[in-house]
């Protein structure tokens, strides 16, 4: 009788250990993949620079995939106009985006999208401020003789269209960590509860006079 009472809590305790092991195996890769994130930037998020720099750099915590379409950076001025000058260049974990000169003062918007070496895409956005800026000087033009007004049949010059910026998505690292910590806490609580219950059952069995017969 005493031996049976002491061994019965071992089954749920072993089950709790199995659940904890399975939880760690399933969610450990997800937590690790959330580590690939932006470490630093220049200009930095929320920072202020005197004039618009010649390039913007993004440094990440892991090596990035540099295939076609894997990396995209969009930088717009206070009026919403793009100030990028060519495609972004990926070198390991660093992304360099050339910028145009002559940017005015105000708040600039940066949207980036990259793919880490494990194949997981991630994107985000931030803002920085240009304090003074450099206004472009208009080029003087020589006076030209007046010309006849264009006929109504002439085709108007088409307006330039802007390339839509990539949509920034929120990182999933926060809820992954919260889920992992919560799951471990619940399973640990179950293990403690079963352990205490086993001790109580053992004490009750030892003190029961009927068990000695």
N, C-alpha and C. Protein backbone atom coordinates (compact mmCIF):
# COMPACT_ATOMS: atom_id res chain seq x y z
N UNK A 1 0.83 -1.21 0.00
CA UNK A 1 0.00 0.00 0.00
C UNK A 1 0.86 1.26 0.00
N UNK A 2 1.88 1.28 0.85
CA UNK A 2 2.74 2.45 0.96
C UNK A 2 3.54 2.66 -0.33
N UNK A 3 4.05 1.55 -0.90
CA UNK A 3 4.83 1.66 -2.13
C UNK A 3 3.98 2.17 -3.29
N UNK A 4 2.76 1.71 -3.42
CA UNK A 4 1.86 2.17 -4.49
C UNK A 4 1.54 3.63 -4.35
N UNK A 5 1.34 4.13 -3.12
CA UNK A 5 0.98 5.53 -2.91
C UNK A 5 2.13 6.44 -3.26
N UNK A 6 3.37 5.98 -2.99
CA UNK A 6 4.52 6.83 -3.26
C UNK A 6 4.85 6.88 -4.74
N UNK A 7 4.55 5.80 -5.47
CA UNK A 7 4.91 5.75 -6.88
C UNK A 7 3.88 6.42 -7.78
N UNK A 8 2.65 6.56 -7.34
CA UNK A 8 1.60 7.09 -8.21
C UNK A 8 1.87 8.51 -8.70
N UNK A 9 2.42 9.44 -7.88
CA UNK A 9 2.69 10.78 -8.40
C UNK A 9 3.82 10.82 -9.40
N UNK A 10 4.62 9.75 -9.53
CA UNK A 10 5.75 9.76 -10.45
C UNK A 10 5.29 9.85 -11.90
N UNK A 11 4.12 9.33 -12.21
CA UNK A 11 3.62 9.36 -13.58
C UNK A 11 3.34 10.79 -14.05
N UNK A 12 2.53 11.59 -13.33
CA UNK A 12 2.33 12.97 -13.77
C UNK A 12 3.60 13.80 -13.72
N UNK A 13 4.52 13.50 -12.79
CA UNK A 13 5.78 14.24 -12.73
C UNK A 13 6.60 13.98 -13.99
N UNK A 14 6.66 12.73 -14.41
CA UNK A 14 7.38 12.39 -15.64
C UNK A 14 6.72 13.04 -16.85
N UNK A 15 5.38 13.11 -16.82
CA UNK A 15 4.65 13.76 -17.91
C UNK A 15 5.00 15.24 -17.99
N UNK A 16 5.12 15.90 -16.83
CA UNK A 16 5.47 17.31 -16.80
C UNK A 16 6.87 17.54 -17.37
N UNK A 17 7.81 16.65 -17.02
CA UNK A 17 9.17 16.76 -17.56
C UNK A 17 9.16 16.59 -19.07
N UNK A 18 8.36 15.64 -19.57
CA UNK A 18 8.27 15.42 -21.01
C UNK A 18 7.70 16.63 -21.73
N UNK A 19 6.66 17.24 -21.14
CA UNK A 19 6.07 18.44 -21.74
C UNK A 19 7.07 19.59 -21.78
N UNK A 20 7.84 19.76 -20.73
CA UNK A 20 8.84 20.82 -20.69
C UNK A 20 9.90 20.61 -21.77
N UNK A 21 10.35 19.38 -21.93
CA UNK A 21 11.35 19.08 -22.95
C UNK A 21 10.81 19.35 -24.35
N UNK A 22 9.57 18.91 -24.60
CA UNK A 22 8.96 19.14 -25.92
C UNK A 22 8.78 20.62 -26.19
N UNK A 23 8.41 21.38 -25.16
CA UNK A 23 8.20 22.82 -25.31
C UNK A 23 9.51 23.51 -25.71
N UNK A 24 10.60 23.14 -25.04
CA UNK A 24 11.89 23.76 -25.35
C UNK A 24 12.36 23.40 -26.75
N UNK A 25 12.13 22.16 -27.17
CA UNK A 25 12.56 21.72 -28.50
C UNK A 25 11.79 22.46 -29.59
N UNK A 26 10.49 22.68 -29.37
CA UNK A 26 9.66 23.32 -30.39
C UNK A 26 9.90 24.81 -30.49
N UNK A 27 10.06 25.49 -29.35
CA UNK A 27 10.11 26.94 -29.35
C UNK A 27 11.52 27.51 -29.32
N UNK A 28 12.53 26.72 -29.06
CA UNK A 28 13.90 27.23 -29.06
C UNK A 28 14.30 27.77 -30.43
N UNK A 29 13.99 27.06 -31.56
CA UNK A 29 14.35 27.63 -32.86
C UNK A 29 13.64 28.94 -33.15
N UNK A 30 12.38 29.09 -32.70
CA UNK A 30 11.66 30.33 -32.94
C UNK A 30 12.29 31.48 -32.18
N UNK A 31 12.71 31.23 -30.96
CA UNK A 31 13.35 32.27 -30.17
C UNK A 31 14.68 32.67 -30.78
N UNK A 32 15.41 31.69 -31.30
CA UNK A 32 16.71 31.99 -31.89
C UNK A 32 16.56 32.83 -33.15
N UNK A 33 15.53 32.53 -33.96
CA UNK A 33 15.34 33.27 -35.19
C UNK A 33 14.95 34.71 -34.92
N UNK A 34 14.41 35.00 -33.74
CA UNK A 34 14.02 36.37 -33.42
C UNK A 34 15.22 37.24 -33.09
N UNK A 35 16.43 36.64 -32.98
CA UNK A 35 17.61 37.41 -32.63
C UNK A 35 18.12 38.25 -33.79
N UNK A 36 17.77 37.91 -35.03
CA UNK A 36 18.24 38.65 -36.20
C UNK A 36 17.49 39.98 -36.26
N UNK A 37 18.15 41.05 -35.85
CA UNK A 37 17.48 42.34 -35.78
C UNK A 37 18.48 43.45 -36.06
N UNK A 38 17.95 44.66 -36.22
CA UNK A 38 18.79 45.83 -36.44
C UNK A 38 19.52 46.19 -35.15
N UNK A 39 20.85 46.27 -35.22
CA UNK A 39 21.66 46.59 -34.05
C UNK A 39 21.92 48.08 -33.95
N UNK A 40 22.29 48.72 -35.07
CA UNK A 40 22.56 50.15 -35.08
C UNK A 40 22.33 50.70 -36.48
N UNK A 41 22.24 52.02 -36.57
CA UNK A 41 22.05 52.67 -37.86
C UNK A 41 22.72 54.03 -37.83
N UNK A 42 23.06 54.52 -39.02
CA UNK A 42 23.64 55.85 -39.16
C UNK A 42 23.06 56.50 -40.41
N UNK A 43 22.28 57.58 -40.22
CA UNK A 43 21.86 58.22 -38.97
C UNK A 43 21.01 57.27 -38.11
N UNK A 44 21.09 57.48 -36.80
CA UNK A 44 20.40 56.60 -35.88
C UNK A 44 18.93 56.95 -35.76
N UNK A 45 18.16 55.99 -35.27
CA UNK A 45 16.72 56.20 -35.09
C UNK A 45 16.47 57.30 -34.07
N UNK A 46 15.68 58.30 -34.46
CA UNK A 46 15.37 59.41 -33.57
C UNK A 46 16.48 60.42 -33.44
N UNK A 47 17.59 60.24 -34.16
CA UNK A 47 18.73 61.15 -34.06
C UNK A 47 18.58 62.36 -34.96
N UNK A 48 19.52 63.30 -34.81
CA UNK A 48 19.53 64.53 -35.60
C UNK A 48 20.92 64.74 -36.20
N UNK A 49 20.97 65.03 -37.48
CA UNK A 49 22.23 65.34 -38.18
C UNK A 49 22.11 66.73 -38.78
N UNK A 50 23.27 67.37 -39.01
CA UNK A 50 23.26 68.73 -39.56
C UNK A 50 22.75 68.74 -41.00
N UNK A 51 23.32 67.88 -41.82
CA UNK A 51 22.91 67.78 -43.22
C UNK A 51 22.69 66.32 -43.59
N UNK A 52 22.02 66.09 -44.69
CA UNK A 52 21.76 64.72 -45.14
C UNK A 52 23.08 64.08 -45.56
N UNK A 53 23.46 62.94 -44.96
CA UNK A 53 24.73 62.30 -45.32
C UNK A 53 24.69 61.70 -46.72
N UNK A 54 25.88 61.34 -47.21
CA UNK A 54 25.98 60.75 -48.55
C UNK A 54 25.44 59.34 -48.59
N UNK A 55 25.38 58.67 -47.44
CA UNK A 55 24.87 57.30 -47.40
C UNK A 55 24.27 57.00 -46.04
N UNK A 56 23.41 56.01 -46.01
CA UNK A 56 22.78 55.51 -44.78
C UNK A 56 23.25 54.08 -44.57
N UNK A 57 23.65 53.74 -43.34
CA UNK A 57 24.12 52.38 -43.05
C UNK A 57 23.25 51.73 -41.98
N UNK A 58 22.98 50.45 -42.16
CA UNK A 58 22.22 49.65 -41.22
C UNK A 58 23.07 48.43 -40.84
N UNK A 59 23.27 48.22 -39.54
CA UNK A 59 24.06 47.09 -39.06
C UNK A 59 23.15 46.12 -38.33
N UNK A 60 23.17 44.85 -38.74
CA UNK A 60 22.30 43.82 -38.18
C UNK A 60 23.11 42.83 -37.35
N UNK A 61 22.39 42.01 -36.59
CA UNK A 61 23.02 41.07 -35.67
C UNK A 61 23.45 39.77 -36.34
N UNK A 62 23.14 39.58 -37.61
CA UNK A 62 23.51 38.36 -38.31
C UNK A 62 23.75 38.67 -39.78
N UNK A 63 24.47 37.78 -40.44
CA UNK A 63 24.77 37.94 -41.86
C UNK A 63 23.48 37.89 -42.67
N UNK A 64 23.40 38.72 -43.70
CA UNK A 64 22.19 38.84 -44.50
C UNK A 64 22.37 38.17 -45.86
N UNK A 65 21.25 37.77 -46.45
CA UNK A 65 21.25 37.24 -47.81
C UNK A 65 21.24 38.43 -48.78
N UNK A 66 22.14 38.39 -49.75
CA UNK A 66 22.29 39.52 -50.67
C UNK A 66 21.75 39.23 -52.06
N UNK A 67 20.81 38.30 -52.17
CA UNK A 67 20.24 37.98 -53.47
C UNK A 67 19.35 39.09 -54.00
N UNK A 68 18.95 38.95 -55.25
CA UNK A 68 18.12 39.96 -55.88
C UNK A 68 16.77 40.06 -55.19
N UNK A 69 16.38 41.29 -54.81
CA UNK A 69 15.11 41.52 -54.16
C UNK A 69 15.08 41.20 -52.68
N UNK A 70 16.20 40.70 -52.13
CA UNK A 70 16.21 40.34 -50.71
C UNK A 70 16.30 41.56 -49.82
N UNK A 71 16.99 42.60 -50.28
CA UNK A 71 17.20 43.80 -49.47
C UNK A 71 16.61 45.01 -50.18
N UNK A 72 15.88 45.81 -49.44
CA UNK A 72 15.30 47.03 -49.99
C UNK A 72 15.26 48.10 -48.92
N UNK A 73 15.74 49.29 -49.27
CA UNK A 73 15.74 50.42 -48.35
C UNK A 73 15.10 51.61 -49.05
N UNK A 74 14.17 52.26 -48.39
CA UNK A 74 13.51 53.45 -48.91
C UNK A 74 13.69 54.58 -47.91
N UNK A 75 14.18 55.72 -48.39
CA UNK A 75 14.37 56.90 -47.54
C UNK A 75 13.66 58.06 -48.22
N UNK A 76 12.75 58.71 -47.51
CA UNK A 76 11.99 59.83 -48.06
C UNK A 76 12.19 61.08 -47.23
N UNK A 77 12.14 62.25 -47.89
CA UNK A 77 12.33 63.53 -47.22
C UNK A 77 11.02 63.99 -46.59
N UNK A 78 11.00 65.17 -45.95
CA UNK A 78 9.77 65.65 -45.30
C UNK A 78 8.58 65.80 -46.26
N UNK A 79 8.86 65.97 -47.55
CA UNK A 79 7.78 66.10 -48.53
C UNK A 79 7.36 64.76 -49.12
N UNK A 80 7.98 63.67 -48.67
CA UNK A 80 7.63 62.35 -49.17
C UNK A 80 8.36 61.94 -50.43
N UNK A 81 9.36 62.72 -50.85
CA UNK A 81 10.13 62.39 -52.05
C UNK A 81 11.30 61.47 -51.70
N UNK A 82 11.58 60.51 -52.57
CA UNK A 82 12.68 59.58 -52.33
C UNK A 82 14.02 60.28 -52.47
N UNK A 83 14.96 59.96 -51.57
CA UNK A 83 16.30 60.55 -51.61
C UNK A 83 17.37 59.46 -51.76
N UNK A 84 16.97 58.25 -52.17
CA UNK A 84 17.96 57.20 -52.38
C UNK A 84 18.63 57.41 -53.74
N UNK A 85 19.89 57.00 -53.84
CA UNK A 85 20.67 57.17 -55.06
C UNK A 85 21.26 55.82 -55.46
N UNK A 86 20.46 54.97 -56.04
CA UNK A 86 20.91 53.65 -56.44
C UNK A 86 20.49 52.58 -55.45
N UNK A 87 20.77 51.31 -55.77
CA UNK A 87 20.36 50.20 -54.90
C UNK A 87 21.22 50.10 -53.65
N UNK A 88 20.67 49.42 -52.64
CA UNK A 88 21.41 49.18 -51.40
C UNK A 88 22.48 48.11 -51.64
N UNK A 89 23.59 48.22 -50.91
CA UNK A 89 24.70 47.27 -51.01
C UNK A 89 24.81 46.49 -49.71
N UNK A 90 24.83 45.15 -49.80
CA UNK A 90 24.92 44.29 -48.62
C UNK A 90 26.33 43.73 -48.50
N UNK A 91 26.93 43.89 -47.33
CA UNK A 91 28.26 43.35 -47.05
C UNK A 91 28.21 42.64 -45.70
N UNK A 92 27.93 41.35 -45.71
CA UNK A 92 27.81 40.61 -44.47
C UNK A 92 26.55 41.01 -43.72
N UNK A 93 26.74 41.65 -42.56
CA UNK A 93 25.61 42.10 -41.75
C UNK A 93 25.36 43.59 -41.88
N UNK A 94 26.03 44.26 -42.83
CA UNK A 94 25.92 45.71 -42.98
C UNK A 94 25.27 46.04 -44.32
N UNK A 95 24.28 46.93 -44.29
CA UNK A 95 23.61 47.41 -45.50
C UNK A 95 23.95 48.88 -45.67
N UNK A 96 24.42 49.25 -46.86
CA UNK A 96 24.74 50.65 -47.16
C UNK A 96 23.84 51.13 -48.28
N UNK A 97 23.13 52.24 -48.03
CA UNK A 97 22.22 52.81 -49.00
C UNK A 97 22.71 54.21 -49.40
N UNK A 98 23.19 54.41 -50.65
CA UNK A 98 23.60 55.74 -51.09
C UNK A 98 22.40 56.70 -51.12
N UNK A 99 22.67 57.97 -50.77
CA UNK A 99 21.63 59.00 -50.74
C UNK A 99 22.01 60.15 -51.66
N UNK A 100 21.00 60.87 -52.12
CA UNK A 100 21.24 62.02 -52.97
C UNK A 100 21.70 63.20 -52.13
N UNK A 101 22.29 64.19 -52.77
CA UNK A 101 22.75 65.39 -52.07
C UNK A 101 21.68 66.47 -52.16
N UNK A 102 21.81 67.46 -51.30
CA UNK A 102 20.90 68.60 -51.34
C UNK A 102 19.59 68.40 -50.62
N UNK A 103 19.56 67.49 -49.63
CA UNK A 103 18.33 67.29 -48.88
C UNK A 103 18.03 68.46 -47.95
N UNK A 104 16.78 68.83 -47.86
CA UNK A 104 16.39 69.94 -47.00
C UNK A 104 16.22 69.53 -45.55
N UNK A 105 15.97 70.50 -44.70
CA UNK A 105 15.79 70.25 -43.27
C UNK A 105 14.42 69.62 -43.02
N UNK A 106 14.34 68.84 -41.95
CA UNK A 106 13.08 68.22 -41.57
C UNK A 106 13.25 66.77 -41.18
N UNK A 107 12.13 66.05 -41.04
CA UNK A 107 12.13 64.66 -40.60
C UNK A 107 12.15 63.72 -41.81
N UNK A 108 13.07 62.76 -41.78
CA UNK A 108 13.22 61.79 -42.86
C UNK A 108 12.73 60.42 -42.38
N UNK A 109 12.11 59.68 -43.30
CA UNK A 109 11.49 58.39 -42.99
C UNK A 109 12.29 57.27 -43.66
N UNK A 110 12.70 56.28 -42.88
CA UNK A 110 13.46 55.14 -43.39
C UNK A 110 12.64 53.87 -43.24
N UNK A 111 12.48 53.12 -44.31
CA UNK A 111 11.82 51.81 -44.28
C UNK A 111 12.80 50.80 -44.87
N UNK A 112 13.07 49.72 -44.13
CA UNK A 112 14.02 48.72 -44.63
C UNK A 112 13.41 47.32 -44.59
N UNK A 113 13.88 46.49 -45.50
CA UNK A 113 13.46 45.08 -45.57
C UNK A 113 14.69 44.25 -45.91
N UNK A 114 14.99 43.24 -45.09
CA UNK A 114 16.15 42.38 -45.33
C UNK A 114 15.74 40.92 -45.11
N UNK A 115 16.62 40.01 -45.53
CA UNK A 115 16.43 38.57 -45.30
C UNK A 115 17.70 38.04 -44.64
N UNK A 116 17.56 37.46 -43.45
CA UNK A 116 18.71 36.93 -42.73
C UNK A 116 19.21 35.65 -43.37
N UNK A 117 20.37 35.18 -42.93
CA UNK A 117 21.00 34.01 -43.55
C UNK A 117 20.18 32.73 -43.38
N UNK A 118 19.27 32.70 -42.39
CA UNK A 118 18.43 31.52 -42.20
C UNK A 118 17.16 31.57 -43.04
N UNK A 119 17.02 32.62 -43.86
CA UNK A 119 15.89 32.72 -44.78
C UNK A 119 14.69 33.44 -44.23
N UNK A 120 14.76 33.98 -43.02
CA UNK A 120 13.62 34.68 -42.43
C UNK A 120 13.65 36.16 -42.81
N UNK A 121 12.62 36.67 -43.50
CA UNK A 121 12.57 38.10 -43.82
C UNK A 121 12.13 38.92 -42.61
N UNK A 122 12.64 40.13 -42.52
CA UNK A 122 12.23 41.03 -41.45
C UNK A 122 12.27 42.45 -41.98
N UNK A 123 11.45 43.32 -41.45
CA UNK A 123 11.38 44.71 -41.90
C UNK A 123 10.95 45.59 -40.75
N UNK A 124 11.27 46.87 -40.88
CA UNK A 124 10.90 47.84 -39.86
C UNK A 124 11.08 49.24 -40.44
N UNK A 125 10.87 50.24 -39.62
CA UNK A 125 11.01 51.62 -40.05
C UNK A 125 11.45 52.49 -38.89
N UNK A 126 12.02 53.65 -39.21
CA UNK A 126 12.37 54.62 -38.18
C UNK A 126 12.51 56.00 -38.82
N UNK A 127 12.71 57.01 -37.98
CA UNK A 127 12.81 58.39 -38.45
C UNK A 127 14.09 59.02 -37.91
N UNK A 128 14.64 59.96 -38.67
CA UNK A 128 15.72 60.81 -38.18
C UNK A 128 15.50 62.21 -38.73
N UNK A 129 16.18 63.19 -38.15
CA UNK A 129 15.94 64.60 -38.49
C UNK A 129 17.20 65.24 -39.04
N UNK A 130 17.04 66.03 -40.09
CA UNK A 130 18.12 66.86 -40.64
C UNK A 130 17.88 68.28 -40.13
N UNK A 131 18.87 68.84 -39.42
CA UNK A 131 18.69 70.13 -38.74
C UNK A 131 18.64 71.30 -39.71
N UNK A 132 19.67 71.46 -40.54
CA UNK A 132 19.73 72.62 -41.43
C UNK A 132 19.48 72.24 -42.88
N UNK A 133 20.10 71.17 -43.34
CA UNK A 133 19.89 70.75 -44.71
C UNK A 133 20.69 71.58 -45.69
N UNK A 134 20.65 71.20 -46.94
CA UNK A 134 21.34 71.92 -48.01
C UNK A 134 20.37 72.07 -49.16
N UNK A 135 19.89 73.28 -49.33
CA UNK A 135 18.94 73.52 -50.42
C UNK A 135 19.69 73.56 -51.74
N UNK A 136 19.14 72.92 -52.74
CA UNK A 136 19.77 72.91 -54.06
C UNK A 136 19.69 74.29 -54.70
N UNK A 137 20.83 74.75 -55.29
CA UNK A 137 20.89 76.05 -55.94
C UNK A 137 20.40 75.93 -57.37
N UNK A 138 19.41 76.73 -57.76
CA UNK A 138 18.90 76.62 -59.13
C UNK A 138 19.95 77.03 -60.15
N UNK A 139 20.03 76.32 -61.26
CA UNK A 139 20.99 76.62 -62.31
C UNK A 139 20.47 77.76 -63.18
N UNK A 140 21.28 78.86 -63.33
CA UNK A 140 20.80 79.99 -64.15
C UNK A 140 20.70 79.60 -65.62
N UNK A 141 19.69 80.07 -66.27
CA UNK A 141 19.48 79.76 -67.69
C UNK A 141 19.54 81.04 -68.50
N UNK A 142 20.16 80.96 -69.67
CA UNK A 142 20.26 82.12 -70.55
C UNK A 142 18.91 82.42 -71.16
N UNK A 143 18.67 83.73 -71.40
CA UNK A 143 17.40 84.12 -71.99
C UNK A 143 17.33 83.63 -73.43
N UNK A 144 16.22 83.10 -73.78
CA UNK A 144 16.04 82.55 -75.13
C UNK A 144 14.91 83.29 -75.82
N UNK A 145 14.99 83.37 -77.14
CA UNK A 145 13.91 84.04 -77.87
C UNK A 145 12.59 83.32 -77.67
N UNK A 146 11.55 84.12 -77.66
CA UNK A 146 10.23 83.54 -77.45
C UNK A 146 9.86 82.63 -78.60
N UNK A 147 9.19 81.58 -78.27
CA UNK A 147 8.76 80.61 -79.28
C UNK A 147 7.25 80.55 -79.31
N UNK A 148 6.78 80.00 -80.39
CA UNK A 148 5.33 79.90 -80.54
C UNK A 148 4.78 78.92 -79.53
N UNK A 149 3.56 79.17 -79.10
CA UNK A 149 2.92 78.29 -78.13
C UNK A 149 2.71 76.92 -78.75
N UNK A 150 2.88 75.86 -77.97
CA UNK A 150 2.68 74.51 -78.52
C UNK A 150 1.23 74.29 -78.94
N UNK A 151 1.10 73.52 -80.00
CA UNK A 151 -0.25 73.24 -80.49
C UNK A 151 -0.98 72.33 -79.54
N UNK A 152 -2.26 72.30 -79.67
CA UNK A 152 -3.09 71.48 -78.79
C UNK A 152 -2.88 69.99 -79.05
N UNK A 153 -2.31 69.64 -80.23
CA UNK A 153 -2.13 68.23 -80.56
C UNK A 153 -0.89 67.63 -79.91
N UNK A 154 -0.02 68.51 -79.36
CA UNK A 154 1.19 67.99 -78.73
C UNK A 154 0.85 67.21 -77.47
N UNK A 155 1.61 66.16 -77.24
CA UNK A 155 1.36 65.29 -76.07
C UNK A 155 2.08 65.85 -74.86
N UNK A 156 1.37 65.95 -73.74
CA UNK A 156 1.98 66.46 -72.51
C UNK A 156 2.97 65.44 -71.97
N UNK A 157 4.03 65.97 -71.31
CA UNK A 157 5.05 65.09 -70.72
C UNK A 157 4.45 64.32 -69.55
N UNK A 158 4.57 63.00 -69.55
CA UNK A 158 3.99 62.23 -68.44
C UNK A 158 4.70 62.52 -67.13
N UNK A 159 3.93 62.53 -66.06
CA UNK A 159 4.49 62.78 -64.74
C UNK A 159 5.20 61.53 -64.23
N UNK A 160 6.29 61.78 -63.47
CA UNK A 160 7.05 60.66 -62.90
C UNK A 160 6.24 59.99 -61.80
N UNK A 161 6.30 58.71 -61.77
CA UNK A 161 5.57 57.95 -60.75
C UNK A 161 6.56 57.45 -59.71
N UNK A 162 6.15 57.50 -58.48
CA UNK A 162 7.02 57.06 -57.39
C UNK A 162 6.79 55.58 -57.11
N UNK A 163 7.87 54.90 -56.78
CA UNK A 163 7.79 53.47 -56.45
C UNK A 163 7.23 53.30 -55.06
N UNK A 164 6.19 52.50 -54.87
CA UNK A 164 5.62 52.33 -53.52
C UNK A 164 6.64 51.73 -52.58
N UNK A 165 6.64 52.24 -51.36
CA UNK A 165 7.58 51.77 -50.35
C UNK A 165 7.11 50.44 -49.78
N UNK A 166 8.05 49.60 -49.37
CA UNK A 166 7.65 48.32 -48.76
C UNK A 166 6.94 48.55 -47.46
N UNK A 167 5.97 47.74 -47.19
CA UNK A 167 5.21 47.85 -45.95
C UNK A 167 6.02 47.31 -44.80
N UNK A 168 6.15 48.11 -43.74
CA UNK A 168 6.91 47.67 -42.57
C UNK A 168 6.06 46.76 -41.71
N UNK A 169 6.64 45.64 -41.31
CA UNK A 169 5.93 44.70 -40.46
C UNK A 169 6.56 44.66 -39.09
N UNK A 170 5.74 44.42 -38.08
CA UNK A 170 6.23 44.37 -36.70
C UNK A 170 6.99 43.08 -36.46
N UNK A 171 8.02 43.16 -35.67
CA UNK A 171 8.80 41.97 -35.32
C UNK A 171 7.99 41.09 -34.38
N UNK A 172 8.16 39.76 -34.61
CA UNK A 172 7.41 38.80 -33.78
C UNK A 172 8.19 38.33 -32.58
N UNK A 173 9.35 38.96 -32.32
CA UNK A 173 10.19 38.45 -31.23
C UNK A 173 9.54 38.63 -29.86
N UNK A 174 8.78 39.71 -29.67
CA UNK A 174 8.21 39.98 -28.34
C UNK A 174 7.24 38.89 -27.91
N UNK A 175 6.30 38.52 -28.78
CA UNK A 175 5.31 37.50 -28.36
C UNK A 175 5.94 36.12 -28.30
N UNK A 176 7.00 35.87 -29.06
CA UNK A 176 7.68 34.58 -28.96
C UNK A 176 8.34 34.41 -27.60
N UNK A 177 9.03 35.47 -27.14
CA UNK A 177 9.66 35.40 -25.82
C UNK A 177 8.61 35.29 -24.72
N UNK A 178 7.51 36.05 -24.83
CA UNK A 178 6.47 35.98 -23.81
C UNK A 178 5.84 34.60 -23.75
N UNK A 179 5.61 34.00 -24.92
CA UNK A 179 5.03 32.66 -24.95
C UNK A 179 5.98 31.63 -24.36
N UNK A 180 7.27 31.77 -24.66
CA UNK A 180 8.25 30.82 -24.12
C UNK A 180 8.34 30.91 -22.61
N UNK A 181 8.44 32.14 -22.09
CA UNK A 181 8.55 32.32 -20.64
C UNK A 181 7.29 31.84 -19.93
N UNK A 182 6.12 32.18 -20.51
CA UNK A 182 4.86 31.75 -19.89
C UNK A 182 4.72 30.24 -19.87
N UNK A 183 5.10 29.57 -20.97
CA UNK A 183 5.00 28.12 -21.00
C UNK A 183 5.91 27.45 -20.01
N UNK A 184 7.15 27.96 -19.89
CA UNK A 184 8.09 27.38 -18.93
C UNK A 184 7.59 27.57 -17.50
N UNK A 185 7.02 28.76 -17.22
CA UNK A 185 6.51 29.03 -15.88
C UNK A 185 5.36 28.09 -15.51
N UNK A 186 4.45 27.86 -16.46
CA UNK A 186 3.31 26.97 -16.19
C UNK A 186 3.78 25.54 -15.94
N UNK A 187 4.69 25.06 -16.78
CA UNK A 187 5.17 23.68 -16.61
C UNK A 187 5.96 23.54 -15.32
N UNK A 188 6.76 24.55 -14.97
CA UNK A 188 7.51 24.50 -13.72
C UNK A 188 6.57 24.46 -12.52
N UNK A 189 5.47 25.24 -12.59
CA UNK A 189 4.50 25.24 -11.50
C UNK A 189 3.84 23.87 -11.35
N UNK A 190 3.54 23.22 -12.47
CA UNK A 190 2.96 21.87 -12.41
C UNK A 190 3.93 20.88 -11.77
N UNK A 191 5.20 21.00 -12.10
CA UNK A 191 6.20 20.10 -11.52
C UNK A 191 6.29 20.27 -10.01
N UNK A 192 6.28 21.54 -9.56
CA UNK A 192 6.34 21.80 -8.11
C UNK A 192 5.09 21.27 -7.42
N UNK A 193 3.93 21.47 -8.05
CA UNK A 193 2.67 21.02 -7.44
C UNK A 193 2.64 19.51 -7.29
N UNK A 194 3.07 18.78 -8.34
CA UNK A 194 3.10 17.33 -8.26
C UNK A 194 4.11 16.84 -7.24
N UNK A 195 5.22 17.57 -7.11
CA UNK A 195 6.23 17.17 -6.13
C UNK A 195 5.70 17.32 -4.71
N UNK A 196 5.03 18.44 -4.42
CA UNK A 196 4.44 18.66 -3.10
C UNK A 196 3.35 17.63 -2.82
N UNK A 197 2.55 17.35 -3.83
CA UNK A 197 1.47 16.37 -3.66
C UNK A 197 2.03 14.99 -3.34
N UNK A 198 3.14 14.63 -4.00
CA UNK A 198 3.76 13.33 -3.75
C UNK A 198 4.24 13.22 -2.31
N UNK A 199 4.82 14.31 -1.81
CA UNK A 199 5.30 14.29 -0.42
C UNK A 199 4.14 14.16 0.57
N UNK A 200 3.04 14.86 0.30
CA UNK A 200 1.88 14.79 1.19
C UNK A 200 1.28 13.39 1.18
N UNK A 201 1.18 12.79 0.01
CA UNK A 201 0.63 11.43 -0.08
C UNK A 201 1.51 10.44 0.66
N UNK A 202 2.82 10.63 0.57
CA UNK A 202 3.73 9.74 1.27
C UNK A 202 3.61 9.88 2.77
N UNK A 203 3.45 11.12 3.25
CA UNK A 203 3.30 11.35 4.70
C UNK A 203 2.00 10.77 5.22
N UNK A 204 0.92 10.93 4.44
CA UNK A 204 -0.39 10.41 4.85
C UNK A 204 -0.38 8.89 4.93
N UNK A 205 0.28 8.26 3.98
CA UNK A 205 0.34 6.79 3.96
C UNK A 205 1.13 6.25 5.13
N UNK A 206 2.23 6.92 5.46
CA UNK A 206 3.06 6.46 6.59
C UNK A 206 2.32 6.56 7.91
N UNK A 207 1.44 7.57 8.05
CA UNK A 207 0.73 7.78 9.32
C UNK A 207 -0.57 6.99 9.41
N UNK A 208 -0.97 6.30 8.35
CA UNK A 208 -2.23 5.55 8.35
C UNK A 208 -2.01 4.20 9.04
N UNK A 209 -2.69 3.96 10.16
CA UNK A 209 -2.49 2.69 10.89
C UNK A 209 -2.86 1.48 10.05
N UNK A 210 -3.82 1.63 9.14
CA UNK A 210 -4.27 0.47 8.37
C UNK A 210 -3.18 -0.05 7.45
N UNK A 211 -2.21 0.83 7.09
CA UNK A 211 -1.15 0.40 6.17
C UNK A 211 -0.18 -0.55 6.83
N UNK A 212 -0.13 -0.57 8.18
CA UNK A 212 0.81 -1.44 8.88
C UNK A 212 0.27 -2.86 9.03
N UNK A 213 -1.01 -3.08 8.75
CA UNK A 213 -1.60 -4.41 8.92
C UNK A 213 -1.35 -5.28 7.71
